[in-house]
Amino acid sequence: MFKPTYLDAVYDLLDNKVNGGPEAGPIAEISLHEGETAPTEETIQAKLAELISAYNAQEYARNRATEYPALTEQLDEIYHNGIDSWKAVIKVTKDKYPK
């Protein structure tokens, strides 16, 4: 998942009724479906702030996903050493990136 852009905010506000445009805006350069009214700059900036806040709140999950062992390694850990050993391995990453 990538950090939300201006264009993402417009897509979200207009329920994807957008033909495309530059990721950084401005709204005047974004092509909307026929009959759609462009949201105000204030509305777009508020939606973008909301999307970025939600994105930032999930940073721990993105960090964990890159550091967890591969699923095959995790299953191998369970098979050879049991669930408690696997939990200990996973806990290292969970402790490193708490919610």
PDB file of N, CA and C in Angstrom:
ATOM      1  N   MET A   1       0.845  -1.179   0.000  1.00  0.00           N
ATOM      2  CA  MET A   1       0.000   0.000   0.000  1.00  0.00           C
ATOM      3  C   MET A   1       0.886   1.236   0.000  1.00  0.00           C
ATOM      4  N   PHE A   2       0.510   2.187  -0.832  1.00  0.00           N
ATOM      5  CA  PHE A   2       1.260   3.421  -0.948  1.00  0.00           C
ATOM      6  C   PHE A   2       0.550   4.537  -0.216  1.00  0.00           C
ATOM      7  N   LYS A   3       1.325   5.542   0.181  1.00  0.00           N
ATOM      8  CA  LYS A   3       0.762   6.698   0.864  1.00  0.00           C
ATOM      9  C   LYS A   3      -0.279   7.354  -0.050  1.00  0.00           C
ATOM     10  N   PRO A   4      -1.445   7.697   0.501  1.00  0.00           N
ATOM     11  CA  PRO A   4      -2.520   8.283  -0.307  1.00  0.00           C
ATOM     12  C   PRO A   4      -2.101   9.610  -0.953  1.00  0.00           C
ATOM     13  N   THR A   5      -2.655   9.849  -2.131  1.00  0.00           N
ATOM     14  CA  THR A   5      -2.366  11.072  -2.873  1.00  0.00           C
ATOM     15  C   THR A   5      -3.624  11.924  -3.007  1.00  0.00           C
ATOM     16  N   TYR A   6      -3.430  13.106  -3.531  1.00  0.00           N
ATOM     17  CA  TYR A   6      -4.533  14.022  -3.832  1.00  0.00           C
ATOM     18  C   TYR A   6      -5.573  13.311  -4.707  1.00  0.00           C
ATOM     19  N   LEU A   7      -5.080  12.617  -5.730  1.00  0.00           N
ATOM     20  CA  LEU A   7      -5.983  11.907  -6.645  1.00  0.00           C
ATOM     21  C   LEU A   7      -6.768  10.819  -5.905  1.00  0.00           C
ATOM     22  N   ASP A   8      -6.138  10.131  -4.965  1.00  0.00           N
ATOM     23  CA  ASP A   8      -6.844   9.124  -4.163  1.00  0.00           C
ATOM     24  C   ASP A   8      -8.003   9.758  -3.394  1.00  0.00           C
ATOM     25  N   ALA A   9      -7.767  10.961  -2.860  1.00  0.00           N
ATOM     26  CA  ALA A   9      -8.825  11.658  -2.114  1.00  0.00           C
ATOM     27  C   ALA A   9     -10.006  11.975  -3.033  1.00  0.00           C
ATOM     28  N   VAL A  10      -9.704  12.425  -4.247  1.00  0.00           N
ATOM     29  CA  VAL A  10     -10.776  12.733  -5.209  1.00  0.00           C
ATOM     30  C   VAL A  10     -11.538  11.466  -5.578  1.00  0.00           C
ATOM     31  N   TYR A  11     -10.809  10.382  -5.853  1.00  0.00           N
ATOM     32  CA  TYR A  11     -11.468   9.100  -6.148  1.00  0.00           C
ATOM     33  C   TYR A  11     -12.416   8.712  -5.012  1.00  0.00           C
ATOM     34  N   ASP A  12     -11.932   8.836  -3.785  1.00  0.00           N
ATOM     35  CA  ASP A  12     -12.741   8.438  -2.631  1.00  0.00           C
ATOM     36  C   ASP A  12     -13.977   9.322  -2.493  1.00  0.00           C
ATOM     37  N   LEU A  13     -13.812  10.606  -2.667  1.00  0.00           N
ATOM     38  CA  LEU A  13     -14.939  11.530  -2.538  1.00  0.00           C
ATOM     39  C   LEU A  13     -16.004  11.312  -3.615  1.00  0.00           C
ATOM     40  N   LEU A  14     -15.569  10.906  -4.802  1.00  0.00           N
ATOM     41  CA  LEU A  14     -16.505  10.756  -5.917  1.00  0.00           C
ATOM     42  C   LEU A  14     -16.836   9.301  -6.219  1.00  0.00           C
ATOM     43  N   ASP A  15     -16.609   8.419  -5.264  1.00  0.00           N
ATOM     44  CA  ASP A  15     -16.917   6.996  -5.443  1.00  0.00           C
ATOM     45  C   ASP A  15     -16.323   6.439  -6.742  1.00  0.00           C
ATOM     46  N   ASN A  16     -15.070   6.787  -6.997  1.00  0.00           N
ATOM     47  CA  ASN A  16     -14.318   6.308  -8.167  1.00  0.00           C
ATOM     48  C   ASN A  16     -14.867   6.797  -9.502  1.00  0.00           C
ATOM     49  N   LYS A  17     -15.685   7.823  -9.521  1.00  0.00           N
ATOM     50  CA  LYS A  17     -16.231   8.352 -10.777  1.00  0.00           C
ATOM     51  C   LYS A  17     -15.272   9.387 -11.365  1.00  0.00           C
ATOM     52  N   VAL A  18     -14.030   8.913 -11.553  1.00  0.00           N
ATOM     53  CA  VAL A  18     -12.941   9.759 -12.037  1.00  0.00           C
ATOM     54  C   VAL A  18     -12.261   9.018 -13.178  1.00  0.00           C
ATOM     55  N   ASN A  19     -11.920   9.743 -14.231  1.00  0.00           N
ATOM     56  CA  ASN A  19     -11.232   9.133 -15.369  1.00  0.00           C
ATOM     57  C   ASN A  19      -9.720   9.125 -15.191  1.00  0.00           C
ATOM     58  N   GLY A  20      -9.212   9.959 -14.325  1.00  0.00           N
ATOM     59  CA  GLY A  20      -7.775  10.010 -14.080  1.00  0.00           C
ATOM     60  C   GLY A  20      -7.273  11.437 -14.033  1.00  0.00           C
ATOM     61  N   GLY A  21      -5.981  11.542 -13.811  1.00  0.00           N
ATOM     62  CA  GLY A  21      -5.347  12.854 -13.720  1.00  0.00           C
ATOM     63  C   GLY A  21      -4.069  12.740 -12.923  1.00  0.00           C
ATOM     64  N   PRO A  22      -3.378  13.865 -12.722  1.00  0.00           N
ATOM     65  CA  PRO A  22      -2.127  13.838 -11.976  1.00  0.00           C
ATOM     66  C   PRO A  22      -2.356  13.516 -10.498  1.00  0.00           C
ATOM     67  N   GLU A  23      -1.473  12.711  -9.935  1.00  0.00           N
ATOM     68  CA  GLU A  23      -1.632  12.296  -8.537  1.00  0.00           C
ATOM     69  C   GLU A  23      -1.622  13.474  -7.565  1.00  0.00           C
ATOM     70  N   ALA A  24      -0.916  14.532  -7.914  1.00  0.00           N
ATOM     71  CA  ALA A  24      -0.794  15.674  -7.018  1.00  0.00           C
ATOM     72  C   ALA A  24      -1.827  16.766  -7.303  1.00  0.00           C
ATOM     73  N   GLY A  25      -2.757  16.497  -8.235  1.00  0.00           N
ATOM     74  CA  GLY A  25      -3.762  17.496  -8.563  1.00  0.00           C
ATOM     75  C   GLY A  25      -3.187  18.536  -9.512  1.00  0.00           C
ATOM     76  N   PRO A  26      -3.812  19.652  -9.641  1.00  0.00           N
ATOM     77  CA  PRO A  26      -4.993  20.149  -8.953  1.00  0.00           C
ATOM     78  C   PRO A  26      -6.284  19.568  -9.533  1.00  0.00           C
ATOM     79  N   ILE A  27      -7.378  19.875  -8.894  1.00  0.00           N
ATOM     80  CA  ILE A  27      -8.662  19.321  -9.307  1.00  0.00           C
ATOM     81  C   ILE A  27      -8.991  19.727 -10.743  1.00  0.00           C
ATOM     82  N   ALA A  28      -8.556  20.890 -11.186  1.00  0.00           N
ATOM     83  CA  ALA A  28      -8.843  21.349 -12.544  1.00  0.00           C
ATOM     84  C   ALA A  28      -8.225  20.434 -13.600  1.00  0.00           C
ATOM     85  N   GLU A  29      -7.191  19.675 -13.238  1.00  0.00           N
ATOM     86  CA  GLU A  29      -6.518  18.792 -14.192  1.00  0.00           C
ATOM     87  C   GLU A  29      -6.976  17.338 -14.081  1.00  0.00           C
ATOM     88  N   ILE A  30      -7.935  17.083 -13.197  1.00  0.00           N
ATOM     89  CA  ILE A  30      -8.443  15.729 -13.015  1.00  0.00           C
ATOM     90  C   ILE A  30      -9.727  15.571 -13.822  1.00  0.00           C
ATOM     91  N   SER A  31      -9.785  14.523 -14.609  1.00  0.00           N
ATOM     92  CA  SER A  31     -10.934  14.266 -15.472  1.00  0.00           C
ATOM     93  C   SER A  31     -11.986  13.468 -14.711  1.00  0.00           C
ATOM     94  N   LEU A  32     -13.163  14.074 -14.582  1.00  0.00           N
ATOM     95  CA  LEU A  32     -14.274  13.436 -13.866  1.00  0.00           C
ATOM     96  C   LEU A  32     -15.246  12.822 -14.862  1.00  0.00           C
ATOM     97  N   HIS A  33     -16.019  11.844 -14.390  1.00  0.00           N
ATOM     98  CA  HIS A  33     -17.083  11.292 -15.234  1.00  0.00           C
ATOM     99  C   HIS A  33     -18.055  12.418 -15.577  1.00  0.00           C
ATOM    100  N   GLU A  34     -18.678  12.285 -16.713  1.00  0.00           N
ATOM    101  CA  GLU A  34     -19.644  13.287 -17.149  1.00  0.00           C
ATOM    102  C   GLU A  34     -20.743  13.456 -16.105  1.00  0.00           C
ATOM    103  N   GLY A  35     -21.051  14.703 -15.802  1.00  0.00           N
ATOM    104  CA  GLY A  35     -22.107  15.004 -14.845  1.00  0.00           C
ATOM    105  C   GLY A  35     -21.632  15.100 -13.401  1.00  0.00           C
ATOM    106  N   GLU A  36     -20.392  14.720 -13.139  1.00  0.00           N
ATOM    107  CA  GLU A  36     -19.863  14.805 -11.773  1.00  0.00           C
ATOM    108  C   GLU A  36     -19.409  16.235 -11.478  1.00  0.00           C
ATOM    109  N   THR A  37     -19.674  16.679 -10.268  1.00  0.00           N
ATOM    110  CA  THR A  37     -19.245  17.997  -9.824  1.00  0.00           C
ATOM    111  C   THR A  37     -17.968  17.857  -9.015  1.00  0.00           C
ATOM    112  N   ALA A  38     -16.998  18.683  -9.319  1.00  0.00           N
ATOM    113  CA  ALA A  38     -15.714  18.627  -8.620  1.00  0.00           C
ATOM    114  C   ALA A  38     -15.880  19.065  -7.172  1.00  0.00           C
ATOM    115  N   PRO A  39     -15.283  18.321  -6.238  1.00  0.00           N
ATOM    116  CA  PRO A  39     -15.331  18.742  -4.845  1.00  0.00           C
ATOM    117  C   PRO A  39     -14.467  19.990  -4.643  1.00  0.00           C
ATOM    118  N   THR A  40     -14.714  20.697  -3.571  1.00  0.00           N
ATOM    119  CA  THR A  40     -13.919  21.892  -3.278  1.00  0.00           C
ATOM    120  C   THR A  40     -12.520  21.484  -2.820  1.00  0.00           C
ATOM    121  N   GLU A  41     -11.608  22.401  -2.944  1.00  0.00           N
ATOM    122  CA  GLU A  41     -10.233  22.146  -2.503  1.00  0.00           C
ATOM    123  C   GLU A  41     -10.208  21.829  -1.008  1.00  0.00           C
ATOM    124  N   GLU A  42     -11.016  22.526  -0.250  1.00  0.00           N
ATOM    125  CA  GLU A  42     -11.094  22.294   1.201  1.00  0.00           C
ATOM    126  C   GLU A  42     -11.560  20.866   1.496  1.00  0.00           C
ATOM    127  N   THR A  43     -12.566  20.399   0.776  1.00  0.00           N
ATOM    128  CA  THR A  43     -13.086  19.045   0.958  1.00  0.00           C
ATOM    129  C   THR A  43     -12.033  18.007   0.581  1.00  0.00           C
ATOM    130  N   ILE A  44     -11.310  18.269  -0.512  1.00  0.00           N
ATOM    131  CA  ILE A  44     -10.266  17.336  -0.955  1.00  0.00           C
ATOM    132  C   ILE A  44      -9.156  17.258   0.087  1.00  0.00           C
ATOM    133  N   GLN A  45      -8.726  18.404   0.591  1.00  0.00           N
ATOM    134  CA  GLN A  45      -7.641  18.412   1.584  1.00  0.00           C
ATOM    135  C   GLN A  45      -8.065  17.721   2.881  1.00  0.00           C
ATOM    136  N   ALA A  46      -9.317  17.886   3.284  1.00  0.00           N
ATOM    137  CA  ALA A  46      -9.816  17.208   4.489  1.00  0.00           C
ATOM    138  C   ALA A  46      -9.829  15.693   4.283  1.00  0.00           C
ATOM    139  N   LYS A  47     -10.289  15.244   3.105  1.00  0.00           N
ATOM    140  CA  LYS A  47     -10.324  13.811   2.810  1.00  0.00           C
ATOM    141  C   LYS A  47      -8.900  13.263   2.734  1.00  0.00           C
ATOM    142  N   LEU A  48      -7.988  14.011   2.119  1.00  0.00           N
ATOM    143  CA  LEU A  48      -6.599  13.572   2.020  1.00  0.00           C
ATOM    144  C   LEU A  48      -5.983  13.433   3.416  1.00  0.00           C
ATOM    145  N   ALA A  49      -6.247  14.371   4.298  1.00  0.00           N
ATOM    146  CA  ALA A  49      -5.735  14.286   5.672  1.00  0.00           C
ATOM    147  C   ALA A  49      -6.291  13.051   6.372  1.00  0.00           C
ATOM    148  N   GLU A  50      -7.563  12.751   6.145  1.00  0.00           N
ATOM    149  CA  GLU A  50      -8.194  11.555   6.724  1.00  0.00           C
ATOM    150  C   GLU A  50      -7.531  10.274   6.199  1.00  0.00           C
ATOM    151  N   LEU A  51      -7.301  10.219   4.896  1.00  0.00           N
ATOM    152  CA  LEU A  51      -6.677   9.038   4.296  1.00  0.00           C
ATOM    153  C   LEU A  51      -5.238   8.858   4.781  1.00  0.00           C
ATOM    154  N   ILE A  52      -4.499   9.951   4.888  1.00  0.00           N
ATOM    155  CA  ILE A  52      -3.114   9.877   5.367  1.00  0.00           C
ATOM    156  C   ILE A  52      -3.075   9.452   6.822  1.00  0.00           C
ATOM    157  N   SER A  53      -4.003   9.939   7.623  1.00  0.00           N
ATOM    158  CA  SER A  53      -4.073   9.544   9.032  1.00  0.00           C
ATOM    159  C   SER A  53      -4.323   8.042   9.157  1.00  0.00           C
ATOM    160  N   ALA A  54      -5.244   7.517   8.369  1.00  0.00           N
ATOM    161  CA  ALA A  54      -5.532   6.073   8.391  1.00  0.00           C
ATOM    162  C   ALA A  54      -4.321   5.280   7.921  1.00  0.00           C
ATOM    163  N   TYR A  55      -3.642   5.779   6.902  1.00  0.00           N
ATOM    164  CA  TYR A  55      -2.429   5.127   6.388  1.00  0.00           C
ATOM    165  C   TYR A  55      -1.345   5.097   7.472  1.00  0.00           C
ATOM    166  N   ASN A  56      -1.123   6.241   8.120  1.00  0.00           N
ATOM    167  CA  ASN A  56      -0.099   6.320   9.163  1.00  0.00           C
ATOM    168  C   ASN A  56      -0.409   5.410  10.350  1.00  0.00           C
ATOM    169  N   ALA A  57      -1.688   5.245  10.655  1.00  0.00           N
ATOM    170  CA  ALA A  57      -2.087   4.397  11.783  1.00  0.00           C
ATOM    171  C   ALA A  57      -1.746   2.927  11.544  1.00  0.00           C
ATOM    172  N   GLN A  58      -1.520   2.546  10.297  1.00  0.00           N
ATOM    173  CA  GLN A  58      -1.205   1.154   9.966  1.00  0.00           C
ATOM    174  C   GLN A  58       0.288   0.926   9.698  1.00  0.00           C
ATOM    175  N   GLU A  59       1.118   1.891  10.066  1.00  0.00           N
ATOM    176  CA  GLU A  59       2.552   1.747   9.826  1.00  0.00           C
ATOM    177  C   GLU A  59       3.114   0.504  10.510  1.00  0.00           C
ATOM    178  N   TYR A  60       2.675   0.241  11.735  1.00  0.00           N
ATOM    179  CA  TYR A  60       3.168  -0.931  12.453  1.00  0.00           C
ATOM    180  C   TYR A  60       2.890  -2.214  11.660  1.00  0.00           C
ATOM    181  N   ALA A  61       1.723  -2.302  11.040  1.00  0.00           N
ATOM    182  CA  ALA A  61       1.349  -3.512  10.287  1.00  0.00           C
ATOM    183  C   ALA A  61       2.223  -3.667   9.047  1.00  0.00           C
ATOM    184  N   ARG A  62       2.491  -2.552   8.360  1.00  0.00           N
ATOM    185  CA  ARG A  62       3.366  -2.626   7.183  1.00  0.00           C
ATOM    186  C   ARG A  62       4.780  -3.037   7.591  1.00  0.00           C
ATOM    187  N   ASN A  63       5.267  -2.505   8.700  1.00  0.00           N
ATOM    188  CA  ASN A  63       6.602  -2.866   9.181  1.00  0.00           C
ATOM    189  C   ASN A  63       6.666  -4.334   9.584  1.00  0.00           C
ATOM    190  N   ARG A  64       5.655  -4.801  10.285  1.00  0.00           N
ATOM    191  CA  ARG A  64       5.625  -6.210  10.690  1.00  0.00           C
ATOM    192  C   ARG A  64       5.636  -7.132   9.476  1.00  0.00           C
ATOM    193  N   ALA A  65       4.839  -6.793   8.482  1.00  0.00           N
ATOM    194  CA  ALA A  65       4.705  -7.656   7.305  1.00  0.00           C
ATOM    195  C   ALA A  65       6.042  -7.879   6.608  1.00  0.00           C
ATOM    196  N   THR A  66       6.906  -6.881   6.637  1.00  0.00           N
ATOM    197  CA  THR A  66       8.204  -7.036   5.969  1.00  0.00           C
ATOM    198  C   THR A  66       9.205  -7.817   6.812  1.00  0.00           C
ATOM    199  N   GLU A  67       8.955  -7.918   8.118  1.00  0.00           N
ATOM    200  CA  GLU A  67       9.924  -8.586   8.989  1.00  0.00           C
ATOM    201  C   GLU A  67       9.528  -9.979   9.465  1.00  0.00           C
ATOM    202  N   TYR A  68       8.251 -10.313   9.357  1.00  0.00           N
ATOM    203  CA  TYR A  68       7.869 -11.670   9.737  1.00  0.00           C
ATOM    204  C   TYR A  68       8.598 -12.668   8.837  1.00  0.00           C
ATOM    205  N   PRO A  69       8.937 -13.830   9.388  1.00  0.00           N
ATOM    206  CA  PRO A  69       9.515 -14.874   8.531  1.00  0.00           C
ATOM    207  C   PRO A  69       8.495 -15.311   7.481  1.00  0.00           C
ATOM    208  N   ALA A  70       8.992 -15.865   6.391  1.00  0.00           N
ATOM    209  CA  ALA A  70       8.105 -16.391   5.346  1.00  0.00           C
ATOM    210  C   ALA A  70       7.188 -17.451   5.956  1.00  0.00           C
ATOM    211  N   LEU A  71       6.004 -17.611   5.406  1.00  0.00           N
ATOM    212  CA  LEU A  71       5.041 -18.575   5.946  1.00  0.00           C
ATOM    213  C   LEU A  71       5.614 -19.989   5.982  1.00  0.00           C
ATOM    214  N   THR A  72       6.395 -20.348   4.980  1.00  0.00           N
ATOM    215  CA  THR A  72       6.994 -21.689   4.995  1.00  0.00           C
ATOM    216  C   THR A  72       7.935 -21.853   6.181  1.00  0.00           C
ATOM    217  N   GLU A  73       8.671 -20.799   6.514  1.00  0.00           N
ATOM    218  CA  GLU A  73       9.563 -20.849   7.680  1.00  0.00           C
ATOM    219  C   GLU A  73       8.755 -20.927   8.975  1.00  0.00           C
ATOM    220  N   GLN A  74       7.647 -20.190   9.020  1.00  0.00           N
ATOM    221  CA  GLN A  74       6.804 -20.223  10.213  1.00  0.00           C
ATOM    222  C   GLN A  74       6.205 -21.618  10.415  1.00  0.00           C
ATOM    223  N   LEU A  75       5.718 -22.217   9.342  1.00  0.00           N
ATOM    224  CA  LEU A  75       5.154 -23.567   9.452  1.00  0.00           C
ATOM    225  C   LEU A  75       6.229 -24.577   9.852  1.00  0.00           C
ATOM    226  N   ASP A  76       7.413 -24.405   9.331  1.00  0.00           N
ATOM    227  CA  ASP A  76       8.528 -25.283   9.691  1.00  0.00           C
ATOM    228  C   ASP A  76       8.864 -25.136  11.178  1.00  0.00           C
ATOM    229  N   GLU A  77       8.826 -23.908  11.665  1.00  0.00           N
ATOM    230  CA  GLU A  77       9.076 -23.648  13.095  1.00  0.00           C
ATOM    231  C   GLU A  77       8.034 -24.362  13.950  1.00  0.00           C
ATOM    232  N   ILE A  78       6.775 -24.280  13.560  1.00  0.00           N
ATOM    233  CA  ILE A  78       5.698 -24.948  14.300  1.00  0.00           C
ATOM    234  C   ILE A  78       5.905 -26.462  14.269  1.00  0.00           C
ATOM    235  N   TYR A  79       6.194 -26.992  13.100  1.00  0.00           N
ATOM    236  CA  TYR A  79       6.352 -28.444  12.955  1.00  0.00           C
ATOM    237  C   TYR A  79       7.503 -28.975  13.809  1.00  0.00           C
ATOM    238  N   HIS A  80       8.634 -28.295  13.759  1.00  0.00           N
ATOM    239  CA  HIS A  80       9.821 -28.799  14.450  1.00  0.00           C
ATOM    240  C   HIS A  80       9.886 -28.422  15.931  1.00  0.00           C
ATOM    241  N   ASN A  81       9.334 -27.250  16.292  1.00  0.00           N
ATOM    242  CA  ASN A  81       9.533 -26.758  17.654  1.00  0.00           C
ATOM    243  C   ASN A  81       8.247 -26.440  18.411  1.00  0.00           C
ATOM    244  N   GLY A  82       7.114 -26.526  17.741  1.00  0.00           N
ATOM    245  CA  GLY A  82       5.835 -26.321  18.421  1.00  0.00           C
ATOM    246  C   GLY A  82       5.343 -24.881  18.382  1.00  0.00           C
ATOM    247  N   ILE A  83       4.094 -24.735  18.763  1.00  0.00           N
ATOM    248  CA  ILE A  83       3.413 -23.440  18.734  1.00  0.00           C
ATOM    249  C   ILE A  83       4.086 -22.425  19.649  1.00  0.00           C
ATOM    250  N   ASP A  84       4.477 -22.838  20.842  1.00  0.00           N
ATOM    251  CA  ASP A  84       5.067 -21.884  21.776  1.00  0.00           C
ATOM    252  C   ASP A  84       6.368 -21.293  21.232  1.00  0.00           C
ATOM    253  N   SER A  85       7.163 -22.095  20.568  1.00  0.00           N
ATOM    254  CA  SER A  85       8.388 -21.596  19.955  1.00  0.00           C
ATOM    255  C   SER A  85       8.062 -20.616  18.829  1.00  0.00           C
ATOM    256  N   TRP A  86       7.070 -20.968  18.009  1.00  0.00           N
ATOM    257  CA  TRP A  86       6.644 -20.082  16.924  1.00  0.00           C
ATOM    258  C   TRP A  86       6.161 -18.744  17.483  1.00  0.00           C
ATOM    259  N   LYS A  87       5.361 -18.787  18.559  1.00  0.00           N
ATOM    260  CA  LYS A  87       4.866 -17.555  19.185  1.00  0.00           C
ATOM    261  C   LYS A  87       6.027 -16.679  19.645  1.00  0.00           C
ATOM    262  N   ALA A  88       7.071 -17.299  20.165  1.00  0.00           N
ATOM    263  CA  ALA A  88       8.238 -16.540  20.616  1.00  0.00           C
ATOM    264  C   ALA A  88       8.934 -15.856  19.439  1.00  0.00           C
ATOM    265  N   VAL A  89       9.029 -16.559  18.319  1.00  0.00           N
ATOM    266  CA  VAL A  89       9.655 -15.982  17.125  1.00  0.00           C
ATOM    267  C   VAL A  89       8.840 -14.782  16.635  1.00  0.00           C
ATOM    268  N   ILE A  90       7.537 -14.933  16.567  1.00  0.00           N
ATOM    269  CA  ILE A  90       6.648 -13.878  16.086  1.00  0.00           C
ATOM    270  C   ILE A  90       6.622 -12.695  17.056  1.00  0.00           C
ATOM    271  N   LYS A  91       6.706 -12.986  18.340  1.00  0.00           N
ATOM    272  CA  LYS A  91       6.642 -11.943  19.363  1.00  0.00           C
ATOM    273  C   LYS A  91       7.781 -10.944  19.222  1.00  0.00           C
ATOM    274  N   VAL A  92       8.921 -11.372  18.745  1.00  0.00           N
ATOM    275  CA  VAL A  92      10.056 -10.468  18.553  1.00  0.00           C
ATOM    276  C   VAL A  92       9.651  -9.320  17.617  1.00  0.00           C
ATOM    277  N   THR A  93       9.010  -9.647  16.511  1.00  0.00           N
ATOM    278  CA  THR A  93       8.584  -8.627  15.560  1.00  0.00           C
ATOM    279  C   THR A  93       7.428  -7.809  16.127  1.00  0.00           C
ATOM    280  N   LYS A  94       6.482  -8.459  16.784  1.00  0.00           N
ATOM    281  CA  LYS A  94       5.359  -7.744  17.376  1.00  0.00           C
ATOM    282  C   LYS A  94       5.840  -6.747  18.429  1.00  0.00           C
ATOM    283  N   ASP A  95       6.835  -7.136  19.220  1.00  0.00           N
ATOM    284  CA  ASP A  95       7.375  -6.220  20.227  1.00  0.00           C
ATOM    285  C   ASP A  95       8.141  -5.064  19.596  1.00  0.00           C
ATOM    286  N   LYS A  96       8.782  -5.341  18.488  1.00  0.00           N
ATOM    287  CA  LYS A  96       9.564  -4.313  17.794  1.00  0.00           C
ATOM    288  C   LYS A  96       8.639  -3.244  17.198  1.00  0.00           C
ATOM    289  N   TYR A  97       7.464  -3.662  16.725  1.00  0.00           N
ATOM    290  CA  TYR A  97       6.489  -2.755  16.108  1.00  0.00           C
ATOM    291  C   TYR A  97       5.131  -2.905  16.792  1.00  0.00           C
ATOM    292  N   PRO A  98       4.961  -2.347  17.988  1.00  0.00           N
ATOM    293  CA  PRO A  98       3.682  -2.476  18.700  1.00  0.00           C
ATOM    294  C   PRO A  98       2.574  -1.676  18.028  1.00  0.00           C
ATOM    295  N   LYS A  99       1.340  -2.073  18.315  1.00  0.00           N
ATOM    296  CA  LYS A  99       0.171  -1.363  17.775  1.00  0.00           C
ATOM    297  C   LYS A  99       0.107   0.020  18.392  1.00  0.00           C
TER     298      LYS A  99
END
